Amino acid sequence: PESIRSVPVVHCPDAFGLVVRTDTARIVYSGDCRPSEELIRVAVEEGALGYDGSDPPPLWLVHEATFNPDEQANAEAMRHSTTEEALGVAERMAASGVL
């Protein structure tokens, strides 16, 4: 990998997401956490760094979603995400795909 960055996320103590960048892809792993503004920022930033105006490599987001959208209160209480929130994170990162 060209770079690996860890980003604190809201879940249990010492929980981190990862942003990995290679020549051919960016992979963001959030784990099972709340949506993270910092993780979104770092993922977007990694797409812009070190490129000469060409398109950055595609971004793939791995984001577990424990709860359905109608279980928002439970997701917040347990520091997890709903499927809708995970897809929203992918959209804000301009992800090529989400797992």
N, C-alpha and C. Protein backbone atom coordinates (compact mmCIF):
# COMPACT_ATOMS: atom_id res chain seq x y z
N PRO A 1 0.82 -1.20 0.00
CA PRO A 1 0.00 0.00 0.00
C PRO A 1 0.86 1.26 0.00
N GLU A 2 0.36 2.30 -0.63
CA GLU A 2 1.02 3.61 -0.59
C GLU A 2 0.85 4.25 0.77
N SER A 3 -0.34 4.07 1.36
CA SER A 3 -0.57 4.63 2.69
C SER A 3 -1.65 3.84 3.41
N ILE A 4 -1.53 3.83 4.73
CA ILE A 4 -2.53 3.25 5.63
C ILE A 4 -2.72 4.27 6.75
N ARG A 5 -3.95 4.72 6.91
CA ARG A 5 -4.23 5.69 7.96
C ARG A 5 -5.32 5.14 8.87
N SER A 6 -5.13 5.27 10.16
CA SER A 6 -6.16 4.89 11.12
C SER A 6 -6.87 6.17 11.57
N VAL A 7 -8.18 6.03 11.78
CA VAL A 7 -9.02 7.17 12.15
C VAL A 7 -9.91 6.75 13.31
N PRO A 8 -9.87 7.47 14.44
CA PRO A 8 -10.76 7.14 15.55
C PRO A 8 -12.23 7.23 15.10
N VAL A 9 -13.04 6.25 15.52
CA VAL A 9 -14.47 6.25 15.21
C VAL A 9 -15.26 6.06 16.50
N VAL A 10 -16.53 6.42 16.45
CA VAL A 10 -17.41 6.33 17.62
C VAL A 10 -17.97 4.91 17.70
N HIS A 11 -17.47 4.16 18.64
CA HIS A 11 -17.95 2.81 18.91
C HIS A 11 -17.50 2.46 20.33
N CYS A 12 -16.67 1.48 20.48
CA CYS A 12 -16.14 1.13 21.80
C CYS A 12 -14.83 1.90 22.00
N PRO A 13 -14.29 1.92 23.21
CA PRO A 13 -13.01 2.61 23.42
C PRO A 13 -11.94 2.07 22.47
N ASP A 14 -11.12 2.97 21.99
CA ASP A 14 -10.00 2.64 21.10
C ASP A 14 -10.44 1.99 19.80
N ALA A 15 -11.59 2.37 19.27
CA ALA A 15 -12.06 1.85 17.98
C ALA A 15 -11.53 2.76 16.86
N PHE A 16 -11.10 2.13 15.77
CA PHE A 16 -10.54 2.87 14.65
C PHE A 16 -11.06 2.33 13.33
N GLY A 17 -11.25 3.22 12.38
CA GLY A 17 -11.48 2.84 11.00
C GLY A 17 -10.14 2.92 10.27
N LEU A 18 -10.08 2.36 9.08
CA LEU A 18 -8.84 2.38 8.30
C LEU A 18 -9.10 2.90 6.90
N VAL A 19 -8.14 3.66 6.39
CA VAL A 19 -8.16 4.09 4.99
C VAL A 19 -6.85 3.61 4.38
N VAL A 20 -6.97 2.72 3.40
CA VAL A 20 -5.81 2.14 2.73
C VAL A 20 -5.81 2.61 1.29
N ARG A 21 -4.68 3.12 0.83
CA ARG A 21 -4.58 3.58 -0.56
C ARG A 21 -3.46 2.84 -1.27
N THR A 22 -3.77 2.34 -2.44
CA THR A 22 -2.78 1.73 -3.32
C THR A 22 -2.83 2.47 -4.66
N ASP A 23 -2.03 2.04 -5.61
CA ASP A 23 -2.07 2.64 -6.95
C ASP A 23 -3.40 2.40 -7.63
N THR A 24 -4.07 1.32 -7.28
CA THR A 24 -5.26 0.92 -8.02
C THR A 24 -6.58 1.05 -7.27
N ALA A 25 -6.54 1.31 -5.95
CA ALA A 25 -7.79 1.40 -5.18
C ALA A 25 -7.56 2.09 -3.85
N ARG A 26 -8.65 2.61 -3.32
CA ARG A 26 -8.71 3.08 -1.93
C ARG A 26 -9.75 2.21 -1.25
N ILE A 27 -9.39 1.66 -0.11
CA ILE A 27 -10.32 0.82 0.65
C ILE A 27 -10.50 1.46 2.02
N VAL A 28 -11.75 1.70 2.37
CA VAL A 28 -12.07 2.30 3.67
C VAL A 28 -12.84 1.26 4.46
N TYR A 29 -12.34 0.96 5.65
CA TYR A 29 -12.99 0.00 6.54
C TYR A 29 -13.45 0.75 7.78
N SER A 30 -14.76 0.82 7.97
CA SER A 30 -15.27 1.57 9.12
C SER A 30 -15.49 0.69 10.33
N GLY A 31 -15.71 -0.60 10.10
CA GLY A 31 -16.12 -1.46 11.19
C GLY A 31 -17.58 -1.23 11.51
N ASP A 32 -17.96 -1.50 12.72
CA ASP A 32 -19.36 -1.42 13.14
C ASP A 32 -19.51 -0.22 14.08
N CYS A 33 -19.50 0.97 13.51
CA CYS A 33 -19.48 2.19 14.31
C CYS A 33 -20.57 3.14 13.84
N ARG A 34 -20.67 4.27 14.49
CA ARG A 34 -21.52 5.36 14.04
C ARG A 34 -20.88 6.00 12.80
N PRO A 35 -21.66 6.68 11.97
CA PRO A 35 -21.07 7.41 10.85
C PRO A 35 -20.01 8.38 11.36
N SER A 36 -18.90 8.46 10.67
CA SER A 36 -17.76 9.24 11.14
C SER A 36 -17.39 10.34 10.15
N GLU A 37 -17.56 11.59 10.58
CA GLU A 37 -17.17 12.72 9.73
C GLU A 37 -15.67 12.68 9.44
N GLU A 38 -14.88 12.32 10.44
CA GLU A 38 -13.43 12.27 10.26
C GLU A 38 -13.04 11.19 9.26
N LEU A 39 -13.68 10.04 9.30
CA LEU A 39 -13.38 8.97 8.35
C LEU A 39 -13.74 9.41 6.93
N ILE A 40 -14.87 10.09 6.79
CA ILE A 40 -15.26 10.61 5.48
C ILE A 40 -14.21 11.59 4.98
N ARG A 41 -13.79 12.51 5.84
CA ARG A 41 -12.80 13.53 5.45
C ARG A 41 -11.49 12.89 5.00
N VAL A 42 -10.99 11.93 5.77
CA VAL A 42 -9.72 11.29 5.44
C VAL A 42 -9.84 10.50 4.13
N ALA A 43 -10.95 9.81 3.93
CA ALA A 43 -11.13 9.04 2.70
C ALA A 43 -11.13 9.95 1.48
N VAL A 44 -11.82 11.08 1.57
CA VAL A 44 -11.85 12.03 0.46
C VAL A 44 -10.47 12.64 0.25
N GLU A 45 -9.81 12.99 1.35
CA GLU A 45 -8.46 13.57 1.29
C GLU A 45 -7.48 12.62 0.60
N GLU A 46 -7.54 11.34 0.94
CA GLU A 46 -6.64 10.36 0.33
C GLU A 46 -6.86 10.26 -1.18
N GLY A 47 -8.06 10.57 -1.63
CA GLY A 47 -8.32 10.55 -3.07
C GLY A 47 -7.68 11.71 -3.78
N ALA A 48 -7.42 12.80 -3.05
CA ALA A 48 -6.89 14.01 -3.67
C ALA A 48 -5.37 14.12 -3.55
N LEU A 49 -4.77 13.36 -2.66
CA LEU A 49 -3.33 13.50 -2.41
C LEU A 49 -2.47 12.77 -3.44
N GLY A 50 -1.44 13.43 -3.89
CA GLY A 50 -0.42 12.76 -4.68
C GLY A 50 -0.80 12.44 -6.12
N TYR A 51 -1.84 13.07 -6.62
CA TYR A 51 -2.24 12.79 -7.99
C TYR A 51 -2.06 14.03 -8.84
N ASP A 52 -1.72 13.82 -10.11
CA ASP A 52 -1.37 14.91 -11.02
C ASP A 52 -2.56 15.35 -11.87
N GLY A 53 -3.72 15.42 -11.29
CA GLY A 53 -4.89 15.84 -12.03
C GLY A 53 -5.68 14.70 -12.63
N SER A 54 -5.11 13.51 -12.62
CA SER A 54 -5.85 12.36 -13.12
C SER A 54 -6.86 11.93 -12.06
N ASP A 55 -7.80 11.11 -12.46
CA ASP A 55 -8.80 10.63 -11.52
C ASP A 55 -8.13 9.77 -10.44
N PRO A 56 -8.58 9.93 -9.18
CA PRO A 56 -8.03 9.07 -8.13
C PRO A 56 -8.52 7.64 -8.32
N PRO A 57 -7.84 6.68 -7.70
CA PRO A 57 -8.30 5.29 -7.81
C PRO A 57 -9.68 5.14 -7.17
N PRO A 58 -10.46 4.14 -7.59
CA PRO A 58 -11.79 3.95 -7.02
C PRO A 58 -11.74 3.70 -5.52
N LEU A 59 -12.80 4.11 -4.86
CA LEU A 59 -12.91 3.95 -3.41
C LEU A 59 -13.97 2.90 -3.10
N TRP A 60 -13.59 1.94 -2.29
CA TRP A 60 -14.50 0.87 -1.85
C TRP A 60 -14.66 0.98 -0.35
N LEU A 61 -15.89 1.07 0.10
CA LEU A 61 -16.19 1.21 1.53
C LEU A 61 -16.71 -0.10 2.09
N VAL A 62 -16.10 -0.54 3.19
CA VAL A 62 -16.59 -1.69 3.96
C VAL A 62 -17.17 -1.12 5.25
N HIS A 63 -18.50 -1.18 5.38
CA HIS A 63 -19.18 -0.55 6.51
C HIS A 63 -20.29 -1.47 7.00
N GLU A 64 -20.10 -2.04 8.17
CA GLU A 64 -21.15 -2.89 8.74
C GLU A 64 -22.33 -2.01 9.17
N ALA A 65 -23.52 -2.53 8.97
CA ALA A 65 -24.74 -1.83 9.38
C ALA A 65 -25.61 -2.83 10.15
N THR A 66 -25.67 -2.67 11.44
CA THR A 66 -26.35 -3.62 12.31
C THR A 66 -27.87 -3.47 12.29
N PHE A 67 -28.33 -2.24 12.08
CA PHE A 67 -29.75 -1.95 12.25
C PHE A 67 -30.41 -1.46 10.97
N ASN A 68 -31.72 -1.73 10.86
CA ASN A 68 -32.54 -1.19 9.78
C ASN A 68 -32.84 0.28 10.08
N PRO A 69 -33.22 1.05 9.07
CA PRO A 69 -33.49 2.48 9.29
C PRO A 69 -34.54 2.76 10.37
N ASP A 70 -35.51 1.88 10.55
CA ASP A 70 -36.54 2.12 11.56
C ASP A 70 -36.04 1.84 12.98
N GLU A 71 -34.79 1.46 13.13
CA GLU A 71 -34.19 1.18 14.44
C GLU A 71 -33.11 2.22 14.78
N GLN A 72 -33.31 3.46 14.33
CA GLN A 72 -32.32 4.53 14.51
C GLN A 72 -31.93 4.72 15.97
N ALA A 73 -32.91 4.74 16.86
CA ALA A 73 -32.62 4.97 18.28
C ALA A 73 -31.72 3.87 18.84
N ASN A 74 -31.98 2.64 18.47
CA ASN A 74 -31.13 1.53 18.92
C ASN A 74 -29.72 1.66 18.35
N ALA A 75 -29.62 2.04 17.09
CA ALA A 75 -28.31 2.20 16.46
C ALA A 75 -27.49 3.25 17.21
N GLU A 76 -28.11 4.36 17.52
CA GLU A 76 -27.40 5.42 18.24
C GLU A 76 -27.00 4.97 19.64
N ALA A 77 -27.91 4.32 20.34
CA ALA A 77 -27.63 3.87 21.71
C ALA A 77 -26.49 2.85 21.75
N MET A 78 -26.42 1.98 20.75
CA MET A 78 -25.41 0.93 20.71
C MET A 78 -24.15 1.34 19.96
N ARG A 79 -24.13 2.58 19.44
CA ARG A 79 -23.00 3.12 18.68
C ARG A 79 -22.73 2.30 17.42
N HIS A 80 -23.81 1.95 16.75
CA HIS A 80 -23.76 1.25 15.47
C HIS A 80 -24.40 2.14 14.41
N SER A 81 -24.52 1.64 13.20
CA SER A 81 -25.14 2.37 12.11
C SER A 81 -26.33 1.61 11.55
N THR A 82 -27.23 2.36 10.93
CA THR A 82 -28.30 1.73 10.17
C THR A 82 -27.81 1.53 8.74
N THR A 83 -28.52 0.71 7.99
CA THR A 83 -28.15 0.52 6.58
C THR A 83 -28.21 1.85 5.84
N GLU A 84 -29.21 2.65 6.13
CA GLU A 84 -29.35 3.95 5.48
C GLU A 84 -28.16 4.87 5.79
N GLU A 85 -27.70 4.86 7.04
CA GLU A 85 -26.53 5.67 7.40
C GLU A 85 -25.27 5.20 6.69
N ALA A 86 -25.07 3.88 6.62
CA ALA A 86 -23.89 3.35 5.94
C ALA A 86 -23.89 3.74 4.47
N LEU A 87 -25.04 3.66 3.83
CA LEU A 87 -25.14 4.07 2.42
C LEU A 87 -24.93 5.58 2.27
N GLY A 88 -25.36 6.35 3.26
CA GLY A 88 -25.12 7.79 3.24
C GLY A 88 -23.64 8.12 3.35
N VAL A 89 -22.92 7.38 4.17
CA VAL A 89 -21.46 7.56 4.28
C VAL A 89 -20.81 7.25 2.93
N ALA A 90 -21.22 6.18 2.30
CA ALA A 90 -20.67 5.81 0.99
C ALA A 90 -20.93 6.91 -0.03
N GLU A 91 -22.11 7.47 -0.02
CA GLU A 91 -22.44 8.56 -0.95
C GLU A 91 -21.57 9.79 -0.70
N ARG A 92 -21.39 10.14 0.57
CA ARG A 92 -20.58 11.33 0.90
C ARG A 92 -19.12 11.14 0.55
N MET A 93 -18.64 9.89 0.57
CA MET A 93 -17.26 9.60 0.17
C MET A 93 -17.12 9.48 -1.34
N ALA A 94 -18.26 9.46 -2.04
CA ALA A 94 -18.29 9.20 -3.48
C ALA A 94 -17.68 7.82 -3.76
N ALA A 95 -18.08 6.85 -2.94
CA ALA A 95 -17.55 5.49 -3.08
C ALA A 95 -18.00 4.86 -4.39
N SER A 96 -17.12 4.08 -4.97
CA SER A 96 -17.46 3.33 -6.17
C SER A 96 -18.36 2.15 -5.83
N GLY A 97 -18.26 1.67 -4.59
CA GLY A 97 -19.08 0.55 -4.13
C GLY A 97 -18.99 0.44 -2.63
N VAL A 98 -19.95 -0.28 -2.06
CA VAL A 98 -19.99 -0.47 -0.61
C VAL A 98 -20.33 -1.92 -0.32
N LEU A 99 -19.62 -2.47 0.64
CA LEU A 99 -19.86 -3.84 1.09
C LEU A 99 -20.38 -3.79 2.51
